[in-house]
Amino acid sequence: MPEQADGAEVDQSGATPDLDEAARVFGEVRPRLFGIAYRMLSSATEAEDLVQEVWLRWQACDRSAVTNPAAYLATTTTRLAINAVQSARVRRETYVGPWLPEPVDTSADPYLGAERGEALEFAVLILLERLKPNERAAYVLREAFDYPYPQIAEILQLNEPAVRQLVSRARKRVTGDRRTPVSGAEQRELLTAFISAARSGDLTALENLFAADVSSYSDGGGIVRASRIPVHGVERVAKYYRAFASRFWAGVEVEITTVNGEAMGLLSMDGAVFAAVTVVGSPEGINRIYWQMNPTKLAGVS
């Protein structure tokens, strides 16, 4: 077998056995690392970049001194994500129009690697944006991945009572600002009915689907034409969709699939996805309509 200058054995590809083992260990926990990063950043692109940075750090560190690789990697991911959240908020202050999460296709494979589905839905990710970075990290680690409080405390470099308080405060803010959600089947039915009514421009059908406080949000990022101001109220939202029904939907194909753990409509023209739409429903009807139209945020569902 060939040898490096320092005498370390290598295979024909040039990789050392130690690096092969590092890659194996990293590969086993990578889905969870991505799941943590995505829930922290609400962006699959940024989460991928962050996980790649963790891999580089894992290669460069003294792995012989790491007794628990999974814990080490989760800690590194979470701390990098906290820093990334802080810088992302500064960038979003100049964002054009409403900012919405970047959708991720969860229909074929539980790629996000969570034992639970918490903190994946658009509505929850948007609520998480209101939390402080440490609160968000504590909530994600506890609610989505069921990390024990002592381990979260170690990751965040806080004491356990402080972590319990963070999780409790975050949980109250997330659940307190959210209506009682409908079931997954009901949400899919509402979405399908909304797309049908919006496509036909049926004003009465739209109004009958909406809760009294319905709002519509569109994220075009200043790149494509999209409403830069949210639209509120049953009558205004219904008339808004009727107004552009004939020109917007011409030649558009719609696929209802599972994105972020819930039903989402992917709109395509000539085989290319140009928009994704989902709704948030309650027993009163549709409360929120979210349109992701920023082309830089559609790679995860294209």
C-alpha atoms as a PDB file:
ATOM      1  CA  MET A   1       0.000   0.000   0.000  1.00  0.00           C
ATOM      2  CA  PRO A   2       1.349   3.506  -0.853  1.00  0.00           C
ATOM      3  CA  GLU A   3       2.467   5.713   2.013  1.00  0.00           C
ATOM      4  CA  GLN A   4       2.315   9.445   2.623  1.00  0.00           C
ATOM      5  CA  ALA A   5       5.406  11.419   3.502  1.00  0.00           C
ATOM      6  CA  ASP A   6       4.530  11.145   7.173  1.00  0.00           C
ATOM      7  CA  GLY A   7       4.080   7.391   6.913  1.00  0.00           C
ATOM      8  CA  ALA A   8       0.270   7.358   7.243  1.00  0.00           C
ATOM      9  CA  GLU A   9      -1.290   4.601   5.173  1.00  0.00           C
ATOM     10  CA  VAL A  10      -3.578   5.681   2.350  1.00  0.00           C
ATOM     11  CA  ASP A  11      -5.841   3.879  -0.054  1.00  0.00           C
ATOM     12  CA  GLN A  12      -5.712   4.349  -3.831  1.00  0.00           C
ATOM     13  CA  SER A  13      -8.001   7.408  -3.576  1.00  0.00           C
ATOM     14  CA  GLY A  14      -5.588   9.104  -1.159  1.00  0.00           C
ATOM     15  CA  ALA A  15      -7.896   9.012   1.881  1.00  0.00           C
ATOM     16  CA  THR A  16      -6.481   7.960   5.228  1.00  0.00           C
ATOM     17  CA  PRO A  17      -8.343   5.354   7.302  1.00  0.00           C
ATOM     18  CA  ASP A  18      -8.785   7.998  10.006  1.00  0.00           C
ATOM     19  CA  LEU A  19     -10.514  10.349   7.569  1.00  0.00           C
ATOM     20  CA  ASP A  20     -12.679   7.512   6.282  1.00  0.00           C
ATOM     21  CA  GLU A  21     -13.850   6.883   9.845  1.00  0.00           C
ATOM     22  CA  ALA A  22     -14.447  10.612  10.349  1.00  0.00           C
ATOM     23  CA  ALA A  23     -16.597  10.653   7.207  1.00  0.00           C
ATOM     24  CA  ARG A  24     -18.538   7.587   8.359  1.00  0.00           C
ATOM     25  CA  VAL A  25     -19.287   9.116  11.760  1.00  0.00           C
ATOM     26  CA  PHE A  26     -20.254  12.425  10.209  1.00  0.00           C
ATOM     27  CA  GLY A  27     -22.477  10.748   7.627  1.00  0.00           C
ATOM     28  CA  GLU A  28     -24.455   8.959  10.335  1.00  0.00           C
ATOM     29  CA  VAL A  29     -25.406  12.178  12.125  1.00  0.00           C
ATOM     30  CA  ARG A  30     -25.540  14.494   9.133  1.00  0.00           C
ATOM     31  CA  PRO A  31     -29.355  14.322   8.681  1.00  0.00           C
ATOM     32  CA  ARG A  32     -29.824  15.438  12.286  1.00  0.00           C
ATOM     33  CA  LEU A  33     -27.291  18.245  11.883  1.00  0.00           C
ATOM     34  CA  PHE A  34     -29.147  19.456   8.794  1.00  0.00           C
ATOM     35  CA  GLY A  35     -32.430  19.194  10.683  1.00  0.00           C
ATOM     36  CA  ILE A  36     -31.109  21.400  13.480  1.00  0.00           C
ATOM     37  CA  ALA A  37     -29.596  23.928  11.062  1.00  0.00           C
ATOM     38  CA  TYR A  38     -32.718  24.124   8.882  1.00  0.00           C
ATOM     39  CA  ARG A  39     -35.036  24.737  11.814  1.00  0.00           C
ATOM     40  CA  MET A  40     -32.695  27.406  13.122  1.00  0.00           C
ATOM     41  CA  LEU A  41     -32.252  29.208   9.791  1.00  0.00           C
ATOM     42  CA  SER A  42     -35.473  28.387   7.857  1.00  0.00           C
ATOM     43  CA  SER A  43     -33.276  28.032   4.788  1.00  0.00           C
ATOM     44  CA  ALA A  44     -32.153  24.765   3.229  1.00  0.00           C
ATOM     45  CA  THR A  45     -29.392  26.541   1.317  1.00  0.00           C
ATOM     46  CA  GLU A  46     -27.967  28.196   4.418  1.00  0.00           C
ATOM     47  CA  ALA A  47     -28.370  24.963   6.390  1.00  0.00           C
ATOM     48  CA  GLU A  48     -26.383  23.042   3.770  1.00  0.00           C
ATOM     49  CA  ASP A  49     -23.607  25.637   3.904  1.00  0.00           C
ATOM     50  CA  LEU A  50     -23.531  25.482   7.688  1.00  0.00           C
ATOM     51  CA  VAL A  51     -23.359  21.674   7.757  1.00  0.00           C
ATOM     52  CA  GLN A  52     -20.487  21.832   5.281  1.00  0.00           C
ATOM     53  CA  GLU A  53     -18.667  24.188   7.648  1.00  0.00           C
ATOM     54  CA  VAL A  54     -19.229  21.697  10.476  1.00  0.00           C
ATOM     55  CA  TRP A  55     -17.703  18.950   8.301  1.00  0.00           C
ATOM     56  CA  LEU A  56     -14.615  21.085   7.666  1.00  0.00           C
ATOM     57  CA  ARG A  57     -14.239  21.721  11.381  1.00  0.00           C
ATOM     58  CA  TRP A  58     -14.716  18.023  12.106  1.00  0.00           C
ATOM     59  CA  GLN A  59     -11.902  17.174   9.710  1.00  0.00           C
ATOM     60  CA  ALA A  60      -9.574  19.749  11.256  1.00  0.00           C
ATOM     61  CA  CYS A  61     -10.201  19.059  14.950  1.00  0.00           C
ATOM     62  CA  ASP A  62      -8.381  16.603  17.212  1.00  0.00           C
ATOM     63  CA  ARG A  63     -10.940  13.821  16.931  1.00  0.00           C
ATOM     64  CA  SER A  64      -9.004  11.563  19.299  1.00  0.00           C
ATOM     65  CA  ALA A  65      -9.987  13.943  22.102  1.00  0.00           C
ATOM     66  CA  VAL A  66     -13.725  13.767  21.268  1.00  0.00           C
ATOM     67  CA  THR A  67     -15.466  11.190  23.442  1.00  0.00           C
ATOM     68  CA  ASN A  68     -18.958  11.711  21.996  1.00  0.00           C
ATOM     69  CA  PRO A  69     -18.813  12.671  18.289  1.00  0.00           C
ATOM     70  CA  ALA A  70     -22.590  13.067  17.892  1.00  0.00           C
ATOM     71  CA  ALA A  71     -22.762  15.484  20.822  1.00  0.00           C
ATOM     72  CA  TYR A  72     -19.709  17.374  19.598  1.00  0.00           C
ATOM     73  CA  LEU A  73     -21.153  17.782  16.106  1.00  0.00           C
ATOM     74  CA  ALA A  74     -24.593  18.812  17.380  1.00  0.00           C
ATOM     75  CA  THR A  75     -22.966  21.383  19.652  1.00  0.00           C
ATOM     76  CA  THR A  76     -20.867  22.797  16.822  1.00  0.00           C
ATOM     77  CA  THR A  77     -23.896  22.959  14.531  1.00  0.00           C
ATOM     78  CA  THR A  78     -26.088  24.688  17.102  1.00  0.00           C
ATOM     79  CA  ARG A  79     -23.515  27.296  18.044  1.00  0.00           C
ATOM     80  CA  LEU A  80     -22.744  28.108  14.426  1.00  0.00           C
ATOM     81  CA  ALA A  81     -26.486  28.341  13.749  1.00  0.00           C
ATOM     82  CA  ILE A  82     -26.987  30.788  16.621  1.00  0.00           C
ATOM     83  CA  ASN A  83     -24.343  33.047  15.108  1.00  0.00           C
ATOM     84  CA  ALA A  84     -25.879  32.637  11.655  1.00  0.00           C
ATOM     85  CA  VAL A  85     -29.359  33.576  12.937  1.00  0.00           C
ATOM     86  CA  GLN A  86     -28.006  36.796  14.369  1.00  0.00           C
ATOM     87  CA  SER A  87     -26.358  37.823  11.086  1.00  0.00           C
ATOM     88  CA  ALA A  88     -29.377  36.690   9.044  1.00  0.00           C
ATOM     89  CA  ARG A  89     -31.655  39.024  10.978  1.00  0.00           C
ATOM     90  CA  VAL A  90     -29.493  41.966  10.042  1.00  0.00           C
ATOM     91  CA  ARG A  91     -29.721  41.007   6.353  1.00  0.00           C
ATOM     92  CA  ARG A  92     -33.489  40.552   6.524  1.00  0.00           C
ATOM     93  CA  GLU A  93     -33.984  44.117   7.712  1.00  0.00           C
ATOM     94  CA  THR A  94     -33.444  45.208   4.106  1.00  0.00           C
ATOM     95  CA  TYR A  95     -35.383  42.327   2.520  1.00  0.00           C
ATOM     96  CA  VAL A  96     -37.892  43.415  -0.135  1.00  0.00           C
ATOM     97  CA  GLY A  97     -41.435  42.498   0.896  1.00  0.00           C
ATOM     98  CA  PRO A  98     -42.466  39.737   3.321  1.00  0.00           C
ATOM     99  CA  TRP A  99     -39.767  37.227   4.222  1.00  0.00           C
ATOM    100  CA  LEU A 100     -40.895  33.588   4.244  1.00  0.00           C
ATOM    101  CA  PRO A 101     -38.987  30.337   4.875  1.00  0.00           C
ATOM    102  CA  GLU A 102     -37.354  28.329   2.125  1.00  0.00           C
ATOM    103  CA  PRO A 103     -39.450  25.168   1.562  1.00  0.00           C
ATOM    104  CA  VAL A 104     -37.944  21.680   1.678  1.00  0.00           C
ATOM    105  CA  ASP A 105     -39.434  18.590   0.048  1.00  0.00           C
ATOM    106  CA  THR A 106     -40.258  16.026   2.725  1.00  0.00           C
ATOM    107  CA  SER A 107     -42.496  13.829   0.575  1.00  0.00           C
ATOM    108  CA  ALA A 108     -40.051  11.072  -0.346  1.00  0.00           C
ATOM    109  CA  ASP A 109     -37.554  10.891   2.502  1.00  0.00           C
ATOM    110  CA  PRO A 110     -37.427  12.200   6.102  1.00  0.00           C
ATOM    111  CA  TYR A 111     -34.276  14.073   5.096  1.00  0.00           C
ATOM    112  CA  LEU A 112     -34.416  16.456   8.017  1.00  0.00           C
ATOM    113  CA  GLY A 113     -33.592  13.594  10.351  1.00  0.00           C
ATOM    114  CA  ALA A 114     -35.904  14.368  13.236  1.00  0.00           C
ATOM    115  CA  GLU A 115     -37.545  11.797  15.442  1.00  0.00           C
ATOM    116  CA  ARG A 116     -40.451  14.250  15.543  1.00  0.00           C
ATOM    117  CA  GLY A 117     -41.936  16.575  12.956  1.00  0.00           C
ATOM    118  CA  GLU A 118     -42.010  19.660  15.158  1.00  0.00           C
ATOM    119  CA  ALA A 119     -40.801  23.038  13.949  1.00  0.00           C
ATOM    120  CA  LEU A 120     -41.042  22.151  10.267  1.00  0.00           C
ATOM    121  CA  GLU A 121     -44.329  23.709   9.179  1.00  0.00           C
ATOM    122  CA  PHE A 122     -44.224  27.160   7.620  1.00  0.00           C
ATOM    123  CA  ALA A 123     -46.430  28.656  10.320  1.00  0.00           C
ATOM    124  CA  VAL A 124     -44.150  27.399  13.111  1.00  0.00           C
ATOM    125  CA  LEU A 125     -40.950  28.463  11.348  1.00  0.00           C
ATOM    126  CA  ILE A 126     -42.379  31.965  10.982  1.00  0.00           C
ATOM    127  CA  LEU A 127     -43.221  32.056  14.694  1.00  0.00           C
ATOM    128  CA  LEU A 128     -39.709  30.851  15.523  1.00  0.00           C
ATOM    129  CA  GLU A 129     -38.354  33.939  13.765  1.00  0.00           C
ATOM    130  CA  ARG A 130     -39.689  35.995  16.684  1.00  0.00           C
ATOM    131  CA  LEU A 131     -37.607  34.134  19.239  1.00  0.00           C
ATOM    132  CA  LYS A 132     -34.166  35.115  20.409  1.00  0.00           C
ATOM    133  CA  PRO A 133     -31.435  32.837  18.988  1.00  0.00           C
ATOM    134  CA  ASN A 134     -30.886  30.981  22.286  1.00  0.00           C
ATOM    135  CA  GLU A 135     -34.634  30.509  22.739  1.00  0.00           C
ATOM    136  CA  ARG A 136     -34.950  29.152  19.239  1.00  0.00           C
ATOM    137  CA  ALA A 137     -32.041  26.759  19.718  1.00  0.00           C
ATOM    138  CA  ALA A 138     -33.415  25.474  23.021  1.00  0.00           C
ATOM    139  CA  TYR A 139     -36.872  24.993  21.511  1.00  0.00           C
ATOM    140  CA  VAL A 140     -35.562  23.165  18.427  1.00  0.00           C
ATOM    141  CA  LEU A 141     -33.297  20.837  20.402  1.00  0.00           C
ATOM    142  CA  ARG A 142     -36.016  19.988  22.884  1.00  0.00           C
ATOM    143  CA  GLU A 143     -39.193  19.919  20.801  1.00  0.00           C
ATOM    144  CA  ALA A 144     -37.864  18.547  17.501  1.00  0.00           C
ATOM    145  CA  PHE A 145     -35.076  16.266  18.728  1.00  0.00           C
ATOM    146  CA  ASP A 146     -35.979  15.556  22.363  1.00  0.00           C
ATOM    147  CA  TYR A 147     -32.535  16.437  23.712  1.00  0.00           C
ATOM    148  CA  PRO A 148     -32.410  16.182  27.518  1.00  0.00           C
ATOM    149  CA  TYR A 149     -32.179  19.481  29.365  1.00  0.00           C
ATOM    150  CA  PRO A 150     -28.669  18.830  30.759  1.00  0.00           C
ATOM    151  CA  GLN A 151     -27.325  18.288  27.233  1.00  0.00           C
ATOM    152  CA  ILE A 152     -29.036  21.430  25.920  1.00  0.00           C
ATOM    153  CA  ALA A 153     -27.500  23.318  28.840  1.00  0.00           C
ATOM    154  CA  GLU A 154     -24.075  22.053  27.848  1.00  0.00           C
ATOM    155  CA  ILE A 155     -24.584  22.976  24.210  1.00  0.00           C
ATOM    156  CA  LEU A 156     -25.779  26.497  25.038  1.00  0.00           C
ATOM    157  CA  GLN A 157     -23.312  26.907  27.923  1.00  0.00           C
ATOM    158  CA  LEU A 158     -26.090  27.715  30.364  1.00  0.00           C
ATOM    159  CA  ASN A 159     -27.340  26.112  33.553  1.00  0.00           C
ATOM    160  CA  GLU A 160     -30.265  23.699  33.401  1.00  0.00           C
ATOM    161  CA  PRO A 161     -32.865  25.981  35.095  1.00  0.00           C
ATOM    162  CA  ALA A 162     -32.077  28.692  32.541  1.00  0.00           C
ATOM    163  CA  VAL A 163     -32.568  26.224  29.683  1.00  0.00           C
ATOM    164  CA  ARG A 164     -35.899  25.035  31.082  1.00  0.00           C
ATOM    165  CA  GLN A 165     -37.004  28.643  31.240  1.00  0.00           C
ATOM    166  CA  LEU A 166     -35.906  29.246  27.652  1.00  0.00           C
ATOM    167  CA  VAL A 167     -37.859  26.224  26.396  1.00  0.00           C
ATOM    168  CA  SER A 168     -40.931  27.149  28.422  1.00  0.00           C
ATOM    169  CA  ARG A 169     -40.907  30.742  27.207  1.00  0.00           C
ATOM    170  CA  ALA A 170     -40.389  29.681  23.595  1.00  0.00           C
ATOM    171  CA  ARG A 171     -43.132  27.061  23.794  1.00  0.00           C
ATOM    172  CA  LYS A 172     -45.609  29.624  25.145  1.00  0.00           C
ATOM    173  CA  ARG A 173     -44.783  32.111  22.405  1.00  0.00           C
ATOM    174  CA  VAL A 174     -45.127  29.506  19.666  1.00  0.00           C
ATOM    175  CA  THR A 175     -48.324  27.873  20.897  1.00  0.00           C
ATOM    176  CA  GLY A 176     -49.841  31.064  22.263  1.00  0.00           C
ATOM    177  CA  ASP A 177     -49.703  32.828  18.908  1.00  0.00           C
ATOM    178  CA  ARG A 178     -51.127  29.915  16.982  1.00  0.00           C
ATOM    179  CA  ARG A 179     -54.723  28.880  16.377  1.00  0.00           C
ATOM    180  CA  THR A 180     -55.762  25.300  16.960  1.00  0.00           C
ATOM    181  CA  PRO A 181     -54.460  23.630  13.789  1.00  0.00           C
ATOM    182  CA  VAL A 182     -56.556  21.350  11.622  1.00  0.00           C
ATOM    183  CA  SER A 183     -55.475  17.809  10.822  1.00  0.00           C
ATOM    184  CA  GLY A 184     -53.127  17.091   7.952  1.00  0.00           C
ATOM    185  CA  ALA A 185     -55.983  15.720   5.844  1.00  0.00           C
ATOM    186  CA  GLU A 186     -58.115  18.804   6.503  1.00  0.00           C
ATOM    187  CA  GLN A 187     -55.216  21.118   5.665  1.00  0.00           C
ATOM    188  CA  ARG A 188     -54.741  19.337   2.344  1.00  0.00           C
ATOM    189  CA  GLU A 189     -58.465  19.647   1.595  1.00  0.00           C
ATOM    190  CA  LEU A 190     -58.406  23.371   2.379  1.00  0.00           C
ATOM    191  CA  LEU A 191     -55.360  23.883   0.164  1.00  0.00           C
ATOM    192  CA  THR A 192     -56.915  21.951  -2.731  1.00  0.00           C
ATOM    193  CA  ALA A 193     -60.187  23.883  -2.406  1.00  0.00           C
ATOM    194  CA  PHE A 194     -58.326  27.198  -2.227  1.00  0.00           C
ATOM    195  CA  ILE A 195     -56.298  26.497  -5.374  1.00  0.00           C
ATOM    196  CA  SER A 196     -59.461  25.485  -7.235  1.00  0.00           C
ATOM    197  CA  ALA A 197     -61.333  28.639  -6.139  1.00  0.00           C
ATOM    198  CA  ALA A 198     -58.366  30.923  -6.796  1.00  0.00           C
ATOM    199  CA  ARG A 199     -57.833  29.415 -10.241  1.00  0.00           C
ATOM    200  CA  SER A 200     -61.444  29.975 -11.238  1.00  0.00           C
ATOM    201  CA  GLY A 201     -61.674  33.378  -9.538  1.00  0.00           C
ATOM    202  CA  ASP A 202     -64.812  32.251  -7.705  1.00  0.00           C
ATOM    203  CA  LEU A 203     -65.334  35.066  -5.201  1.00  0.00           C
ATOM    204  CA  THR A 204     -68.017  33.311  -3.161  1.00  0.00           C
ATOM    205  CA  ALA A 205     -66.045  30.070  -2.926  1.00  0.00           C
ATOM    206  CA  LEU A 206     -62.983  31.986  -1.755  1.00  0.00           C
ATOM    207  CA  GLU A 207     -64.905  33.934   0.869  1.00  0.00           C
ATOM    208  CA  ASN A 208     -66.472  30.728   2.192  1.00  0.00           C
ATOM    209  CA  LEU A 209     -63.019  29.190   2.697  1.00  0.00           C
ATOM    210  CA  PHE A 210     -61.564  32.096   4.673  1.00  0.00           C
ATOM    211  CA  ALA A 211     -61.558  32.781   8.403  1.00  0.00           C
ATOM    212  CA  ALA A 212     -62.425  36.352   9.387  1.00  0.00           C
ATOM    213  CA  ASP A 213     -58.774  37.287   9.983  1.00  0.00           C
ATOM    214  CA  VAL A 214     -57.358  35.697   6.813  1.00  0.00           C
ATOM    215  CA  SER A 215     -54.102  37.148   5.476  1.00  0.00           C
ATOM    216  CA  SER A 216     -52.095  36.450   2.328  1.00  0.00           C
ATOM    217  CA  TYR A 217     -48.294  36.795   2.204  1.00  0.00           C
ATOM    218  CA  SER A 218     -46.072  36.582  -0.875  1.00  0.00           C
ATOM    219  CA  ASP A 219     -42.277  36.337  -0.897  1.00  0.00           C
ATOM    220  CA  GLY A 220     -40.782  37.432  -4.195  1.00  0.00           C
ATOM    221  CA  GLY A 221     -37.610  38.823  -2.670  1.00  0.00           C
ATOM    222  CA  GLY A 222     -37.721  41.755  -5.076  1.00  0.00           C
ATOM    223  CA  ILE A 223     -36.706  39.332  -7.853  1.00  0.00           C
ATOM    224  CA  VAL A 224     -40.113  38.447  -9.317  1.00  0.00           C
ATOM    225  CA  ARG A 225     -43.455  40.208  -9.303  1.00  0.00           C
ATOM    226  CA  ALA A 226     -45.229  39.507  -6.025  1.00  0.00           C
ATOM    227  CA  SER A 227     -47.257  41.586  -3.611  1.00  0.00           C
ATOM    228  CA  ARG A 228     -44.826  43.394  -1.314  1.00  0.00           C
ATOM    229  CA  ILE A 229     -47.571  44.165   1.198  1.00  0.00           C
ATOM    230  CA  PRO A 230     -49.657  41.474   2.943  1.00  0.00           C
ATOM    231  CA  VAL A 231     -53.363  41.439   2.113  1.00  0.00           C
ATOM    232  CA  HIS A 232     -55.797  41.146   5.043  1.00  0.00           C
ATOM    233  CA  GLY A 233     -59.508  40.435   5.504  1.00  0.00           C
ATOM    234  CA  VAL A 234     -61.995  38.110   3.806  1.00  0.00           C
ATOM    235  CA  GLU A 235     -63.320  40.531   1.193  1.00  0.00           C
ATOM    236  CA  ARG A 236     -59.954  42.061   0.270  1.00  0.00           C
ATOM    237  CA  VAL A 237     -58.155  38.717   0.014  1.00  0.00           C
ATOM    238  CA  ALA A 238     -60.946  37.171  -2.068  1.00  0.00           C
ATOM    239  CA  LYS A 239     -61.031  40.136  -4.473  1.00  0.00           C
ATOM    240  CA  TYR A 240     -57.230  40.085  -4.639  1.00  0.00           C
ATOM    241  CA  TYR A 241     -57.230  36.512  -5.940  1.00  0.00           C
ATOM    242  CA  ARG A 242     -60.140  37.076  -8.287  1.00  0.00           C
ATOM    243  CA  ALA A 243     -58.379  40.086  -9.824  1.00  0.00           C
ATOM    244  CA  PHE A 244     -55.474  38.146 -11.299  1.00  0.00           C
ATOM    245  CA  ALA A 245     -57.077  34.695 -11.720  1.00  0.00           C
ATOM    246  CA  SER A 246     -57.345  34.787 -15.511  1.00  0.00           C
ATOM    247  CA  ARG A 247     -53.777  35.901 -16.266  1.00  0.00           C
ATOM    248  CA  PHE A 248     -51.862  34.208 -13.431  1.00  0.00           C
ATOM    249  CA  TRP A 249     -53.140  30.634 -13.809  1.00  0.00           C
ATOM    250  CA  ALA A 250     -53.059  30.307 -17.605  1.00  0.00           C
ATOM    251  CA  GLY A 251     -50.866  27.340 -18.570  1.00  0.00           C
ATOM    252  CA  VAL A 252     -49.977  26.566 -14.935  1.00  0.00           C
ATOM    253  CA  GLU A 253     -49.747  22.983 -13.701  1.00  0.00           C
ATOM    254  CA  VAL A 254     -50.245  22.265  -9.994  1.00  0.00           C
ATOM    255  CA  GLU A 255     -48.898  19.365  -7.965  1.00  0.00           C
ATOM    256  CA  ILE A 256     -49.981  18.889  -4.355  1.00  0.00           C
ATOM    257  CA  THR A 257     -47.130  17.290  -2.458  1.00  0.00           C
ATOM    258  CA  THR A 258     -45.700  17.094   1.047  1.00  0.00           C
ATOM    259  CA  VAL A 259     -43.355  19.960   1.816  1.00  0.00           C
ATOM    260  CA  ASN A 260     -42.152  20.866   5.302  1.00  0.00           C
ATOM    261  CA  GLY A 261     -44.290  18.032   6.609  1.00  0.00           C
ATOM    262  CA  GLU A 262     -47.570  19.443   5.252  1.00  0.00           C
ATOM    263  CA  ALA A 263     -49.455  19.778   1.990  1.00  0.00           C
ATOM    264  CA  MET A 264     -48.103  22.406  -0.397  1.00  0.00           C
ATOM    265  CA  GLY A 265     -48.990  23.224  -3.970  1.00  0.00           C
ATOM    266  CA  LEU A 266     -46.096  23.442  -6.411  1.00  0.00           C
ATOM    267  CA  LEU A 267     -46.915  25.585  -9.432  1.00  0.00           C
ATOM    268  CA  SER A 268     -44.982  24.979 -12.627  1.00  0.00           C
ATOM    269  CA  MET A 269     -44.947  26.170 -16.186  1.00  0.00           C
ATOM    270  CA  ASP A 270     -43.138  24.341 -18.987  1.00  0.00           C
ATOM    271  CA  GLY A 271     -41.890  21.863 -16.390  1.00  0.00           C
ATOM    272  CA  ALA A 272     -40.232  24.468 -14.130  1.00  0.00           C
ATOM    273  CA  VAL A 273     -41.507  25.226 -10.620  1.00  0.00           C
ATOM    274  CA  PHE A 274     -41.995  28.975 -10.192  1.00  0.00           C
ATOM    275  CA  ALA A 275     -44.061  29.143  -6.996  1.00  0.00           C
ATOM    276  CA  ALA A 276     -45.094  27.180  -3.921  1.00  0.00           C
ATOM    277  CA  VAL A 277     -48.241  27.872  -1.928  1.00  0.00           C
ATOM    278  CA  THR A 278     -49.550  26.548   1.362  1.00  0.00           C
ATOM    279  CA  VAL A 279     -52.339  27.466   3.748  1.00  0.00           C
ATOM    280  CA  VAL A 280     -52.750  27.434   7.494  1.00  0.00           C
ATOM    281  CA  GLY A 281     -56.170  26.303   8.609  1.00  0.00           C
ATOM    282  CA  SER A 282     -58.191  26.334  11.806  1.00  0.00           C
ATOM    283  CA  PRO A 283     -61.773  25.288  12.575  1.00  0.00           C
ATOM    284  CA  GLU A 284     -62.805  28.775  11.376  1.00  0.00           C
ATOM    285  CA  GLY A 285     -61.252  28.266   7.922  1.00  0.00           C
ATOM    286  CA  ILE A 286     -58.058  29.424   6.231  1.00  0.00           C
ATOM    287  CA  ASN A 287     -56.175  31.910   8.403  1.00  0.00           C
ATOM    288  CA  ARG A 288     -52.972  32.318   6.396  1.00  0.00           C
ATOM    289  CA  ILE A 289     -51.922  31.864   2.790  1.00  0.00           C
ATOM    290  CA  TYR A 290     -48.176  31.747   2.131  1.00  0.00           C
ATOM    291  CA  TRP A 291     -46.651  32.091  -1.336  1.00  0.00           C
ATOM    292  CA  GLN A 292     -42.966  31.391  -1.880  1.00  0.00           C
ATOM    293  CA  MET A 293     -42.074  32.868  -5.282  1.00  0.00           C
ATOM    294  CA  ASN A 294     -38.457  33.898  -4.750  1.00  0.00           C
ATOM    295  CA  PRO A 295     -36.607  31.716  -7.294  1.00  0.00           C
ATOM    296  CA  THR A 296     -33.535  31.527  -5.050  1.00  0.00           C
ATOM    297  CA  LYS A 297     -35.660  29.760  -2.428  1.00  0.00           C
ATOM    298  CA  LEU A 298     -37.307  27.125  -4.619  1.00  0.00           C
ATOM    299  CA  ALA A 299     -34.338  24.815  -5.247  1.00  0.00           C
ATOM    300  CA  GLY A 300     -35.430  22.510  -2.404  1.00  0.00           C
ATOM    301  CA  VAL A 301     -38.764  21.753  -4.116  1.00  0.00           C
ATOM    302  CA  SER A 302     -37.681  21.907  -7.758  1.00  0.00           C
END
